[in-house]
Amino acid sequence: MLQTPLARFRVIALAEGISYLALLFIAYLLTLAHVYFHDKWKFSQGVIAVLASIIPFATFFLDRKLSRDYPSKLKLESKVYLFVWFLAYLIVLSAVYKLVTFYTHLR
């Protein structure tokens, strides 16, 4: 399922790409460090991955690039991929709910 560090990084990166939760950001950086040292990435690859976590939705472009560069290491079962998108959907719904309740209390 998630047998390589890069596959685990991909799942965390997709979830972090939608949310701005500190816990997911920390998980992203930890899995990035694991991939960086395990797969012996270049320094520039690490910098691009860190920047992708800061720029909104850039992790999706990073995921696309990684899936082209490392197709054999990124095989995710469809259940895992669906879980990530479901998690992202819940995060977005939660954020929208918080915004709506915040603005309704202002009136």
N, C-alpha and C. Protein backbone atom coordinates (compact mmCIF):
# COMPACT_ATOMS: atom_id res chain seq x y z
N MET A 1 0.83 -1.19 0.00
CA MET A 1 0.00 0.00 0.00
C MET A 1 0.88 1.25 0.00
N LEU A 2 1.46 1.58 1.13
CA LEU A 2 2.35 2.74 1.23
C LEU A 2 3.73 2.24 1.62
N GLN A 3 4.32 1.47 0.74
CA GLN A 3 5.54 0.77 1.10
C GLN A 3 6.81 1.58 0.90
N THR A 4 6.76 2.63 0.15
CA THR A 4 7.96 3.44 -0.05
C THR A 4 7.80 4.79 0.64
N PRO A 5 8.91 5.39 1.06
CA PRO A 5 8.82 6.72 1.67
C PRO A 5 8.18 7.73 0.73
N LEU A 6 8.44 7.60 -0.56
CA LEU A 6 7.88 8.54 -1.53
C LEU A 6 6.36 8.40 -1.62
N ALA A 7 5.84 7.19 -1.54
CA ALA A 7 4.39 6.99 -1.57
C ALA A 7 3.75 7.59 -0.32
N ARG A 8 4.37 7.42 0.84
CA ARG A 8 3.85 8.03 2.07
C ARG A 8 3.89 9.55 1.97
N PHE A 9 4.97 10.07 1.40
CA PHE A 9 5.11 11.52 1.22
C PHE A 9 4.00 12.04 0.31
N ARG A 10 3.68 11.30 -0.73
CA ARG A 10 2.65 11.73 -1.68
C ARG A 10 1.30 11.86 -0.98
N VAL A 11 0.95 10.91 -0.14
CA VAL A 11 -0.33 10.96 0.55
C VAL A 11 -0.38 12.17 1.48
N ILE A 12 0.68 12.37 2.26
CA ILE A 12 0.71 13.52 3.17
C ILE A 12 0.71 14.83 2.39
N ALA A 13 1.44 14.87 1.28
CA ALA A 13 1.52 16.10 0.49
C ALA A 13 0.17 16.49 -0.09
N LEU A 14 -0.59 15.50 -0.55
CA LEU A 14 -1.92 15.82 -1.10
C LEU A 14 -2.85 16.34 -0.02
N ALA A 15 -2.80 15.72 1.15
CA ALA A 15 -3.66 16.19 2.25
C ALA A 15 -3.23 17.58 2.71
N GLU A 16 -1.95 17.81 2.79
CA GLU A 16 -1.43 19.11 3.24
C GLU A 16 -1.71 20.20 2.21
N GLY A 17 -1.80 19.80 0.95
CA GLY A 17 -2.04 20.77 -0.11
C GLY A 17 -3.38 21.47 0.00
N ILE A 18 -4.32 20.84 0.66
CA ILE A 18 -5.65 21.43 0.78
C ILE A 18 -5.82 22.12 2.12
N SER A 19 -5.14 21.62 3.13
CA SER A 19 -5.36 22.20 4.46
C SER A 19 -4.20 23.09 4.86
N TYR A 20 -4.43 23.85 5.89
CA TYR A 20 -3.36 24.62 6.50
C TYR A 20 -3.27 24.24 7.97
N LEU A 21 -3.44 22.96 8.23
CA LEU A 21 -3.34 22.46 9.59
C LEU A 21 -1.88 22.27 9.95
N ALA A 22 -1.50 22.72 11.11
CA ALA A 22 -0.09 22.64 11.52
C ALA A 22 0.37 21.19 11.62
N LEU A 23 -0.51 20.31 12.07
CA LEU A 23 -0.13 18.90 12.21
C LEU A 23 0.22 18.28 10.86
N LEU A 24 -0.57 18.58 9.84
CA LEU A 24 -0.27 18.06 8.50
C LEU A 24 1.00 18.68 7.94
N PHE A 25 1.24 19.93 8.23
CA PHE A 25 2.47 20.58 7.77
C PHE A 25 3.69 19.92 8.39
N ILE A 26 3.62 19.62 9.67
CA ILE A 26 4.73 18.95 10.35
C ILE A 26 4.92 17.54 9.79
N ALA A 27 3.82 16.83 9.56
CA ALA A 27 3.90 15.50 8.96
C ALA A 27 4.51 15.58 7.56
N TYR A 28 4.16 16.61 6.82
CA TYR A 28 4.72 16.83 5.48
C TYR A 28 6.23 17.00 5.56
N LEU A 29 6.68 17.84 6.46
CA LEU A 29 8.12 18.09 6.58
C LEU A 29 8.87 16.84 7.04
N LEU A 30 8.28 16.07 7.94
CA LEU A 30 8.93 14.85 8.41
C LEU A 30 9.03 13.80 7.29
N THR A 31 7.94 13.62 6.55
CA THR A 31 8.00 12.65 5.45
C THR A 31 8.91 13.14 4.33
N LEU A 32 8.95 14.45 4.13
CA LEU A 32 9.88 15.01 3.15
C LEU A 32 11.33 14.74 3.54
N ALA A 33 11.65 14.92 4.81
CA ALA A 33 13.02 14.64 5.27
C ALA A 33 13.35 13.17 5.08
N HIS A 34 12.39 12.29 5.35
CA HIS A 34 12.63 10.86 5.15
C HIS A 34 12.91 10.54 3.69
N VAL A 35 12.10 11.09 2.80
CA VAL A 35 12.30 10.87 1.36
C VAL A 35 13.63 11.47 0.91
N TYR A 36 13.92 12.67 1.38
CA TYR A 36 15.14 13.37 0.98
C TYR A 36 16.38 12.53 1.27
N PHE A 37 16.44 11.96 2.47
CA PHE A 37 17.62 11.18 2.83
C PHE A 37 17.56 9.75 2.30
N HIS A 38 16.40 9.16 2.27
CA HIS A 38 16.26 7.78 1.80
C HIS A 38 16.54 7.65 0.31
N ASP A 39 15.96 8.56 -0.47
CA ASP A 39 16.12 8.51 -1.94
C ASP A 39 17.26 9.36 -2.45
N LYS A 40 18.01 9.97 -1.53
CA LYS A 40 19.17 10.79 -1.87
C LYS A 40 18.83 11.86 -2.91
N TRP A 41 17.82 12.67 -2.56
CA TRP A 41 17.42 13.76 -3.43
C TRP A 41 18.49 14.83 -3.47
N LYS A 42 18.49 15.59 -4.57
CA LYS A 42 19.35 16.77 -4.66
C LYS A 42 18.79 17.84 -3.73
N PHE A 43 19.66 18.77 -3.35
CA PHE A 43 19.24 19.87 -2.48
C PHE A 43 18.12 20.67 -3.13
N SER A 44 18.22 20.89 -4.44
CA SER A 44 17.20 21.67 -5.15
C SER A 44 15.84 20.98 -5.11
N GLN A 45 15.81 19.66 -5.15
CA GLN A 45 14.54 18.95 -5.06
C GLN A 45 13.90 19.17 -3.69
N GLY A 46 14.71 19.16 -2.65
CA GLY A 46 14.20 19.40 -1.31
C GLY A 46 13.65 20.81 -1.15
N VAL A 47 14.37 21.77 -1.71
CA VAL A 47 13.93 23.17 -1.63
C VAL A 47 12.60 23.35 -2.37
N ILE A 48 12.47 22.74 -3.54
CA ILE A 48 11.23 22.84 -4.31
C ILE A 48 10.07 22.22 -3.53
N ALA A 49 10.32 21.10 -2.87
CA ALA A 49 9.27 20.44 -2.09
C ALA A 49 8.86 21.30 -0.89
N VAL A 50 9.83 21.96 -0.24
CA VAL A 50 9.49 22.84 0.88
C VAL A 50 8.69 24.04 0.38
N LEU A 51 9.11 24.62 -0.73
CA LEU A 51 8.36 25.75 -1.30
C LEU A 51 6.95 25.34 -1.70
N ALA A 52 6.81 24.11 -2.19
CA ALA A 52 5.48 23.62 -2.58
C ALA A 52 4.54 23.54 -1.38
N SER A 53 5.10 23.33 -0.21
CA SER A 53 4.25 23.27 0.98
C SER A 53 3.80 24.66 1.43
N ILE A 54 4.51 25.68 1.02
CA ILE A 54 4.18 27.05 1.43
C ILE A 54 3.23 27.71 0.44
N ILE A 55 3.42 27.47 -0.83
CA ILE A 55 2.57 28.07 -1.87
C ILE A 55 1.26 27.28 -1.95
N PRO A 56 0.12 27.95 -1.84
CA PRO A 56 -1.17 27.25 -1.86
C PRO A 56 -1.35 26.38 -3.10
N PHE A 57 -1.74 25.16 -2.90
CA PHE A 57 -2.04 24.16 -3.92
C PHE A 57 -0.84 23.74 -4.77
N ALA A 58 0.35 24.17 -4.43
CA ALA A 58 1.54 23.79 -5.21
C ALA A 58 1.90 22.33 -5.02
N THR A 59 1.44 21.72 -3.93
CA THR A 59 1.75 20.30 -3.74
C THR A 59 1.09 19.44 -4.81
N PHE A 60 0.01 19.92 -5.42
CA PHE A 60 -0.61 19.16 -6.50
C PHE A 60 0.28 19.13 -7.74
N PHE A 61 0.93 20.25 -8.01
CA PHE A 61 1.88 20.28 -9.13
C PHE A 61 3.11 19.43 -8.82
N LEU A 62 3.54 19.45 -7.56
CA LEU A 62 4.66 18.60 -7.15
C LEU A 62 4.29 17.13 -7.29
N ASP A 63 3.07 16.77 -6.90
CA ASP A 63 2.61 15.39 -7.03
C ASP A 63 2.62 14.94 -8.49
N ARG A 64 2.19 15.83 -9.36
CA ARG A 64 2.17 15.50 -10.79
C ARG A 64 3.59 15.26 -11.31
N LYS A 65 4.52 16.10 -10.89
CA LYS A 65 5.91 15.95 -11.32
C LYS A 65 6.52 14.66 -10.75
N LEU A 66 6.26 14.39 -9.48
CA LEU A 66 6.80 13.18 -8.86
C LEU A 66 6.23 11.92 -9.50
N SER A 67 4.94 11.95 -9.85
CA SER A 67 4.34 10.77 -10.46
C SER A 67 4.91 10.51 -11.86
N ARG A 68 5.40 11.55 -12.51
CA ARG A 68 6.07 11.37 -13.81
C ARG A 68 7.51 10.89 -13.63
N ASP A 69 8.21 11.44 -12.62
CA ASP A 69 9.62 11.12 -12.43
C ASP A 69 9.85 9.77 -11.75
N TYR A 70 8.93 9.37 -10.86
CA TYR A 70 9.10 8.14 -10.08
C TYR A 70 7.84 7.28 -10.13
N PRO A 71 7.41 6.83 -11.30
CA PRO A 71 6.14 6.09 -11.37
C PRO A 71 6.15 4.77 -10.60
N SER A 72 7.27 4.08 -10.56
CA SER A 72 7.29 2.79 -9.88
C SER A 72 7.25 2.93 -8.36
N LYS A 73 7.71 4.05 -7.82
CA LYS A 73 7.73 4.25 -6.38
C LYS A 73 6.44 4.85 -5.85
N LEU A 74 5.55 5.27 -6.74
CA LEU A 74 4.37 6.00 -6.31
C LEU A 74 3.06 5.26 -6.55
N LYS A 75 3.13 3.97 -6.68
CA LYS A 75 1.90 3.22 -6.91
C LYS A 75 1.07 3.23 -5.64
N LEU A 76 -0.05 3.90 -5.70
CA LEU A 76 -0.99 3.95 -4.58
C LEU A 76 -2.22 3.15 -4.95
N GLU A 77 -2.71 2.41 -3.98
CA GLU A 77 -3.97 1.73 -4.21
C GLU A 77 -5.07 2.78 -4.30
N SER A 78 -6.08 2.47 -5.05
CA SER A 78 -7.17 3.43 -5.24
C SER A 78 -7.85 3.76 -3.92
N LYS A 79 -7.88 2.82 -2.97
CA LYS A 79 -8.49 3.08 -1.67
C LYS A 79 -7.75 4.19 -0.94
N VAL A 80 -6.43 4.18 -1.00
CA VAL A 80 -5.63 5.19 -0.33
C VAL A 80 -5.86 6.54 -0.98
N TYR A 81 -5.85 6.57 -2.29
CA TYR A 81 -6.05 7.83 -3.01
C TYR A 81 -7.43 8.40 -2.72
N LEU A 82 -8.45 7.54 -2.69
CA LEU A 82 -9.80 8.00 -2.37
C LEU A 82 -9.87 8.51 -0.94
N PHE A 83 -9.16 7.85 -0.02
CA PHE A 83 -9.15 8.31 1.37
C PHE A 83 -8.55 9.71 1.48
N VAL A 84 -7.47 9.96 0.75
CA VAL A 84 -6.84 11.28 0.79
C VAL A 84 -7.80 12.34 0.26
N TRP A 85 -8.48 12.06 -0.82
CA TRP A 85 -9.42 13.03 -1.37
C TRP A 85 -10.62 13.22 -0.45
N PHE A 86 -11.07 12.14 0.22
CA PHE A 86 -12.15 12.26 1.18
C PHE A 86 -11.72 13.12 2.36
N LEU A 87 -10.51 12.91 2.84
CA LEU A 87 -9.96 13.72 3.93
C LEU A 87 -9.89 15.19 3.50
N ALA A 88 -9.43 15.42 2.30
CA ALA A 88 -9.35 16.79 1.79
C ALA A 88 -10.74 17.42 1.70
N TYR A 89 -11.72 16.65 1.26
CA TYR A 89 -13.09 17.13 1.18
C TYR A 89 -13.61 17.54 2.55
N LEU A 90 -13.35 16.72 3.56
CA LEU A 90 -13.78 17.04 4.91
C LEU A 90 -13.11 18.31 5.43
N ILE A 91 -11.84 18.47 5.11
CA ILE A 91 -11.12 19.66 5.56
C ILE A 91 -11.70 20.92 4.91
N VAL A 92 -11.99 20.84 3.63
CA VAL A 92 -12.58 21.98 2.93
C VAL A 92 -13.97 22.30 3.48
N LEU A 93 -14.77 21.27 3.70
CA LEU A 93 -16.09 21.49 4.29
C LEU A 93 -16.00 22.14 5.66
N SER A 94 -15.06 21.68 6.45
CA SER A 94 -14.85 22.25 7.78
C SER A 94 -14.47 23.72 7.69
N ALA A 95 -13.58 24.05 6.77
CA ALA A 95 -13.15 25.44 6.61
C ALA A 95 -14.31 26.32 6.15
N VAL A 96 -15.11 25.83 5.22
CA VAL A 96 -16.26 26.59 4.74
C VAL A 96 -17.26 26.81 5.87
N TYR A 97 -17.51 25.76 6.65
CA TYR A 97 -18.43 25.88 7.79
C TYR A 97 -17.93 26.94 8.78
N LYS A 98 -16.64 26.91 9.07
CA LYS A 98 -16.08 27.90 10.00
C LYS A 98 -16.20 29.32 9.46
N LEU A 99 -15.96 29.48 8.18
CA LEU A 99 -16.10 30.81 7.57
C LEU A 99 -17.54 31.30 7.62
N VAL A 100 -18.47 30.43 7.30
CA VAL A 100 -19.88 30.81 7.31
C VAL A 100 -20.33 31.18 8.71
N THR A 101 -19.98 30.38 9.70
CA THR A 101 -20.38 30.70 11.06
C THR A 101 -19.70 31.96 11.56
N PHE A 102 -18.47 32.18 11.16
CA PHE A 102 -17.77 33.40 11.55
C PHE A 102 -18.47 34.64 10.99
N TYR A 103 -18.80 34.61 9.70
CA TYR A 103 -19.43 35.77 9.08
C TYR A 103 -20.87 35.98 9.54
N THR A 104 -21.56 34.91 9.89
CA THR A 104 -22.93 35.08 10.39
C THR A 104 -22.93 35.71 11.78
N HIS A 105 -21.89 35.46 12.56
CA HIS A 105 -21.79 36.08 13.88
C HIS A 105 -21.41 37.54 13.81
N LEU A 106 -20.83 37.95 12.70
CA LEU A 106 -20.46 39.36 12.54
C LEU A 106 -21.68 40.24 12.31
N ARG A 107 -22.72 39.67 11.77
CA ARG A 107 -23.91 40.47 11.42
C ARG A 107 -24.76 40.72 12.58
